[in-house]
Amino acid sequence: MNNLILIGMMGSGKSTVGKEIGAKLGWKHLDTDKMIEDMQGMTIREIFDRYSESHFRSLEAKLVEQLKSVDSTVISTGGGIILNPLNTMALREMGLIVYLKASPDTLNANLEGHTKSRPLLDCQSIDVIYRVRDPLYMNSAELVIDIDLISNQEMIDVILNRLER
């Protein structure tokens, strides 16, 4: 499949960069969190509060299965998509997986004032979530981009150059 899959922590810029890359390539852009919210008619926070994180993760896994048929698409994933190894395997079959790696300091700065929609931050810090997820992202990705010291445009250029190969 000819797709680009962006993974990384909340606040790493997956949705913003994904939209820009999709526009430059003339590809569709999909955001898995947004798709789940639209399908459920509620926010992720509401899904977590009303049902549970595990319910949200099952919705996420079903969505990954549905996305297996897409082509020429940039997919910005939710931060926890890699917690399920079956999701990672499916995403690998779908296209190039790029990890937008950011330090906890950068993530905290990017999320400042935007934590109300992030239910995991109610009970865990970015640092704790990062320590669990970073090794999973590293093992899942074919390309890792450290975003701490580069602009979105530089990040996009690196990804586009890799896609051209």
C-alpha atoms as a PDB file:
ATOM      1  CA  MET A   1       0.000   0.000   0.000  1.00  0.00           C
ATOM      2  CA  ASN A   2       1.084   3.517  -0.734  1.00  0.00           C
ATOM      3  CA  ASN A   3       0.296   5.309   2.542  1.00  0.00           C
ATOM      4  CA  LEU A   4       2.072   7.352   5.172  1.00  0.00           C
ATOM      5  CA  ILE A   5       1.303   6.613   8.817  1.00  0.00           C
ATOM      6  CA  LEU A   6       2.324   9.138  11.477  1.00  0.00           C
ATOM      7  CA  ILE A   7       2.759   7.865  15.028  1.00  0.00           C
ATOM      8  CA  GLY A   8       3.904   9.592  18.183  1.00  0.00           C
ATOM      9  CA  MET A   9       2.831  11.094  21.453  1.00  0.00           C
ATOM     10  CA  MET A  10      -0.047  13.495  21.850  1.00  0.00           C
ATOM     11  CA  GLY A  11       1.249  16.950  21.050  1.00  0.00           C
ATOM     12  CA  SER A  12       3.898  15.797  18.570  1.00  0.00           C
ATOM     13  CA  GLY A  13       2.123  17.426  15.606  1.00  0.00           C
ATOM     14  CA  LYS A  14       0.831  14.333  13.806  1.00  0.00           C
ATOM     15  CA  SER A  15      -2.457  15.941  12.748  1.00  0.00           C
ATOM     16  CA  THR A  16      -0.965  19.274  11.733  1.00  0.00           C
ATOM     17  CA  VAL A  17       1.904  17.756   9.761  1.00  0.00           C
ATOM     18  CA  GLY A  18      -0.343  15.042   8.325  1.00  0.00           C
ATOM     19  CA  LYS A  19      -2.728  17.596   6.830  1.00  0.00           C
ATOM     20  CA  GLU A  20       0.146  19.539   5.274  1.00  0.00           C
ATOM     21  CA  ILE A  21       1.801  16.452   3.777  1.00  0.00           C
ATOM     22  CA  GLY A  22      -1.532  15.205   2.447  1.00  0.00           C
ATOM     23  CA  ALA A  23      -2.113  18.550   0.738  1.00  0.00           C
ATOM     24  CA  LYS A  24       1.396  18.582  -0.787  1.00  0.00           C
ATOM     25  CA  LEU A  25       1.029  15.039  -2.117  1.00  0.00           C
ATOM     26  CA  GLY A  26      -2.587  15.430  -3.217  1.00  0.00           C
ATOM     27  CA  TRP A  27      -3.441  12.548  -0.874  1.00  0.00           C
ATOM     28  CA  LYS A  28      -6.355  12.187   1.513  1.00  0.00           C
ATOM     29  CA  HIS A  29      -5.611  12.859   5.187  1.00  0.00           C
ATOM     30  CA  LEU A  30      -7.290  10.818   7.921  1.00  0.00           C
ATOM     31  CA  ASP A  31      -7.001  11.367  11.667  1.00  0.00           C
ATOM     32  CA  THR A  32      -7.933   8.213  13.577  1.00  0.00           C
ATOM     33  CA  ASP A  33      -8.956  10.040  16.755  1.00  0.00           C
ATOM     34  CA  LYS A  34     -11.197  12.404  14.789  1.00  0.00           C
ATOM     35  CA  MET A  35     -12.699   9.483  12.867  1.00  0.00           C
ATOM     36  CA  ILE A  36     -13.567   7.669  16.110  1.00  0.00           C
ATOM     37  CA  GLU A  37     -15.113  10.825  17.556  1.00  0.00           C
ATOM     38  CA  ASP A  38     -17.204  11.303  14.404  1.00  0.00           C
ATOM     39  CA  MET A  39     -18.337   7.667  14.328  1.00  0.00           C
ATOM     40  CA  GLN A  40     -19.257   7.650  18.025  1.00  0.00           C
ATOM     41  CA  GLY A  41     -20.767  11.136  18.112  1.00  0.00           C
ATOM     42  CA  MET A  42     -18.723  12.023  21.182  1.00  0.00           C
ATOM     43  CA  THR A  43     -15.272  13.201  22.127  1.00  0.00           C
ATOM     44  CA  ILE A  44     -12.492  10.878  23.161  1.00  0.00           C
ATOM     45  CA  ARG A  45     -12.800  12.219  26.698  1.00  0.00           C
ATOM     46  CA  GLU A  46     -16.517  11.333  26.670  1.00  0.00           C
ATOM     47  CA  ILE A  47     -15.742   7.826  25.366  1.00  0.00           C
ATOM     48  CA  PHE A  48     -13.151   7.327  28.135  1.00  0.00           C
ATOM     49  CA  ASP A  49     -15.514   8.729  30.802  1.00  0.00           C
ATOM     50  CA  ARG A  50     -18.648   6.901  29.672  1.00  0.00           C
ATOM     51  CA  TYR A  51     -17.112   3.563  28.699  1.00  0.00           C
ATOM     52  CA  SER A  52     -13.374   3.182  29.357  1.00  0.00           C
ATOM     53  CA  GLU A  53      -9.972   3.412  27.767  1.00  0.00           C
ATOM     54  CA  SER A  54     -10.202  -0.268  26.808  1.00  0.00           C
ATOM     55  CA  HIS A  55     -13.446   0.430  24.928  1.00  0.00           C
ATOM     56  CA  PHE A  56     -11.721   3.244  23.059  1.00  0.00           C
ATOM     57  CA  ARG A  57      -8.797   0.922  22.219  1.00  0.00           C
ATOM     58  CA  SER A  58     -11.210  -1.661  20.785  1.00  0.00           C
ATOM     59  CA  LEU A  59     -12.797   1.044  18.601  1.00  0.00           C
ATOM     60  CA  GLU A  60      -9.298   2.031  17.493  1.00  0.00           C
ATOM     61  CA  ALA A  61      -8.437  -1.581  16.558  1.00  0.00           C
ATOM     62  CA  LYS A  62     -11.647  -1.947  14.528  1.00  0.00           C
ATOM     63  CA  LEU A  63     -10.848   1.288  12.702  1.00  0.00           C
ATOM     64  CA  VAL A  64      -7.330   0.091  11.834  1.00  0.00           C
ATOM     65  CA  GLU A  65      -8.875  -3.002  10.258  1.00  0.00           C
ATOM     66  CA  GLN A  66     -11.234  -0.816   8.213  1.00  0.00           C
ATOM     67  CA  LEU A  67      -8.328   1.346   7.029  1.00  0.00           C
ATOM     68  CA  LYS A  68      -6.423  -1.587   5.510  1.00  0.00           C
ATOM     69  CA  SER A  69      -7.975  -0.851   2.105  1.00  0.00           C
ATOM     70  CA  VAL A  70      -6.989   2.838   1.869  1.00  0.00           C
ATOM     71  CA  ASP A  71      -4.346   3.991  -0.584  1.00  0.00           C
ATOM     72  CA  SER A  72      -2.547   7.290  -1.198  1.00  0.00           C
ATOM     73  CA  THR A  73      -3.526   8.433   2.281  1.00  0.00           C
ATOM     74  CA  VAL A  74      -1.736  10.146   5.142  1.00  0.00           C
ATOM     75  CA  ILE A  75      -2.975   8.675   8.429  1.00  0.00           C
ATOM     76  CA  SER A  76      -2.391  10.596  11.652  1.00  0.00           C
ATOM     77  CA  THR A  77      -2.869   8.084  14.454  1.00  0.00           C
ATOM     78  CA  GLY A  78      -3.860   8.474  18.058  1.00  0.00           C
ATOM     79  CA  GLY A  79      -0.936   8.355  20.468  1.00  0.00           C
ATOM     80  CA  GLY A  80      -1.855   4.969  21.920  1.00  0.00           C
ATOM     81  CA  ILE A  81      -2.450   3.102  18.678  1.00  0.00           C
ATOM     82  CA  ILE A  82       0.849   1.230  19.090  1.00  0.00           C
ATOM     83  CA  LEU A  83      -0.214  -0.240  22.443  1.00  0.00           C
ATOM     84  CA  ASN A  84      -1.918  -3.023  20.481  1.00  0.00           C
ATOM     85  CA  PRO A  85       0.677  -5.089  18.569  1.00  0.00           C
ATOM     86  CA  LEU A  86      -2.000  -6.111  16.032  1.00  0.00           C
ATOM     87  CA  ASN A  87      -2.492  -2.438  15.157  1.00  0.00           C
ATOM     88  CA  THR A  88       1.244  -2.054  14.589  1.00  0.00           C
ATOM     89  CA  MET A  89       1.375  -5.123  12.345  1.00  0.00           C
ATOM     90  CA  ALA A  90      -1.574  -3.863  10.285  1.00  0.00           C
ATOM     91  CA  LEU A  91      -0.107  -0.361   9.976  1.00  0.00           C
ATOM     92  CA  ARG A  92       3.220  -1.786   8.747  1.00  0.00           C
ATOM     93  CA  GLU A  93       1.369  -3.529   5.923  1.00  0.00           C
ATOM     94  CA  MET A  94      -0.378  -0.285   4.982  1.00  0.00           C
ATOM     95  CA  GLY A  95       2.627   1.955   4.366  1.00  0.00           C
ATOM     96  CA  LEU A  96       5.589   3.868   5.744  1.00  0.00           C
ATOM     97  CA  ILE A  97       5.383   4.430   9.507  1.00  0.00           C
ATOM     98  CA  VAL A  98       7.030   7.637  10.712  1.00  0.00           C
ATOM     99  CA  TYR A  99       7.554   8.367  14.410  1.00  0.00           C
ATOM    100  CA  LEU A 100       7.441  12.074  15.234  1.00  0.00           C
ATOM    101  CA  LYS A 101       9.621  11.875  18.327  1.00  0.00           C
ATOM    102  CA  ALA A 102       9.473  14.744  20.796  1.00  0.00           C
ATOM    103  CA  SER A 103      10.933  15.095  24.272  1.00  0.00           C
ATOM    104  CA  PRO A 104       8.536  15.306  27.224  1.00  0.00           C
ATOM    105  CA  ASP A 105       9.496  18.990  27.604  1.00  0.00           C
ATOM    106  CA  THR A 106       8.465  19.735  24.009  1.00  0.00           C
ATOM    107  CA  LEU A 107       5.252  17.731  24.406  1.00  0.00           C
ATOM    108  CA  ASN A 108       4.342  19.557  27.622  1.00  0.00           C
ATOM    109  CA  ALA A 109       4.960  22.904  25.930  1.00  0.00           C
ATOM    110  CA  ASN A 110       2.876  21.904  22.883  1.00  0.00           C
ATOM    111  CA  LEU A 111       0.000  20.681  25.052  1.00  0.00           C
ATOM    112  CA  GLU A 112      -0.053  23.638  27.430  1.00  0.00           C
ATOM    113  CA  GLY A 113      -3.636  24.834  27.671  1.00  0.00           C
ATOM    114  CA  HIS A 114      -4.940  21.857  25.645  1.00  0.00           C
ATOM    115  CA  THR A 115      -5.006  19.097  28.248  1.00  0.00           C
ATOM    116  CA  LYS A 116      -8.772  19.043  28.909  1.00  0.00           C
ATOM    117  CA  SER A 117      -9.347  16.906  25.816  1.00  0.00           C
ATOM    118  CA  ARG A 118      -6.567  14.490  26.838  1.00  0.00           C
ATOM    119  CA  PRO A 119      -8.093  12.058  29.361  1.00  0.00           C
ATOM    120  CA  LEU A 120      -4.867  10.135  30.006  1.00  0.00           C
ATOM    121  CA  LEU A 121      -3.306  13.283  31.454  1.00  0.00           C
ATOM    122  CA  ASP A 122      -5.867  13.188  34.283  1.00  0.00           C
ATOM    123  CA  CYS A 123      -4.025  10.325  35.960  1.00  0.00           C
ATOM    124  CA  GLN A 124      -0.553  10.198  34.364  1.00  0.00           C
ATOM    125  CA  SER A 125       2.127  12.672  33.404  1.00  0.00           C
ATOM    126  CA  ILE A 126       3.568  13.016  29.912  1.00  0.00           C
ATOM    127  CA  ASP A 127       6.851  11.671  31.307  1.00  0.00           C
ATOM    128  CA  VAL A 128       5.236   8.412  32.486  1.00  0.00           C
ATOM    129  CA  ILE A 129       3.304   7.904  29.250  1.00  0.00           C
ATOM    130  CA  TYR A 130       6.449   8.696  27.242  1.00  0.00           C
ATOM    131  CA  ARG A 131       8.572   6.114  29.104  1.00  0.00           C
ATOM    132  CA  VAL A 132       6.043   3.402  28.263  1.00  0.00           C
ATOM    133  CA  ARG A 133       5.385   4.376  24.667  1.00  0.00           C
ATOM    134  CA  ASP A 134       8.727   5.597  23.295  1.00  0.00           C
ATOM    135  CA  PRO A 135      10.194   2.063  22.943  1.00  0.00           C
ATOM    136  CA  LEU A 136       6.985   0.922  21.201  1.00  0.00           C
ATOM    137  CA  TYR A 137       7.135   3.829  18.761  1.00  0.00           C
ATOM    138  CA  MET A 138      10.825   3.168  18.094  1.00  0.00           C
ATOM    139  CA  ASN A 139      10.131  -0.504  17.348  1.00  0.00           C
ATOM    140  CA  SER A 140       7.167   0.330  15.108  1.00  0.00           C
ATOM    141  CA  ALA A 141       8.646   3.073  12.934  1.00  0.00           C
ATOM    142  CA  GLU A 142      10.674   2.821   9.759  1.00  0.00           C
ATOM    143  CA  LEU A 143      11.638   6.477  10.045  1.00  0.00           C
ATOM    144  CA  VAL A 144      12.153   8.428  13.282  1.00  0.00           C
ATOM    145  CA  ILE A 145      12.226  12.217  13.184  1.00  0.00           C
ATOM    146  CA  ASP A 146      13.314  14.085  16.303  1.00  0.00           C
ATOM    147  CA  ILE A 147      11.080  17.131  16.150  1.00  0.00           C
ATOM    148  CA  ASP A 148      12.575  19.039  19.086  1.00  0.00           C
ATOM    149  CA  LEU A 149      14.979  21.104  17.010  1.00  0.00           C
ATOM    150  CA  ILE A 150      13.337  21.309  13.587  1.00  0.00           C
ATOM    151  CA  SER A 151      10.404  23.191  12.132  1.00  0.00           C
ATOM    152  CA  ASN A 152       7.271  21.587  10.744  1.00  0.00           C
ATOM    153  CA  GLN A 153       8.494  22.466   7.239  1.00  0.00           C
ATOM    154  CA  GLU A 154      11.819  20.701   7.827  1.00  0.00           C
ATOM    155  CA  MET A 155       9.929  17.694   9.169  1.00  0.00           C
ATOM    156  CA  ILE A 156       7.707  17.642   6.091  1.00  0.00           C
ATOM    157  CA  ASP A 157      10.737  17.897   3.797  1.00  0.00           C
ATOM    158  CA  VAL A 158      12.410  14.902   5.492  1.00  0.00           C
ATOM    159  CA  ILE A 159       9.247  12.814   5.111  1.00  0.00           C
ATOM    160  CA  LEU A 160       8.669  13.811   1.491  1.00  0.00           C
ATOM    161  CA  ASN A 161      12.302  13.021   0.629  1.00  0.00           C
ATOM    162  CA  ARG A 162      11.925   9.580   2.188  1.00  0.00           C
ATOM    163  CA  LEU A 163       8.706   8.921   0.270  1.00  0.00           C
ATOM    164  CA  GLU A 164      10.421   9.808  -3.005  1.00  0.00           C
ATOM    165  CA  ARG A 165      12.970   7.003  -2.524  1.00  0.00           C
END
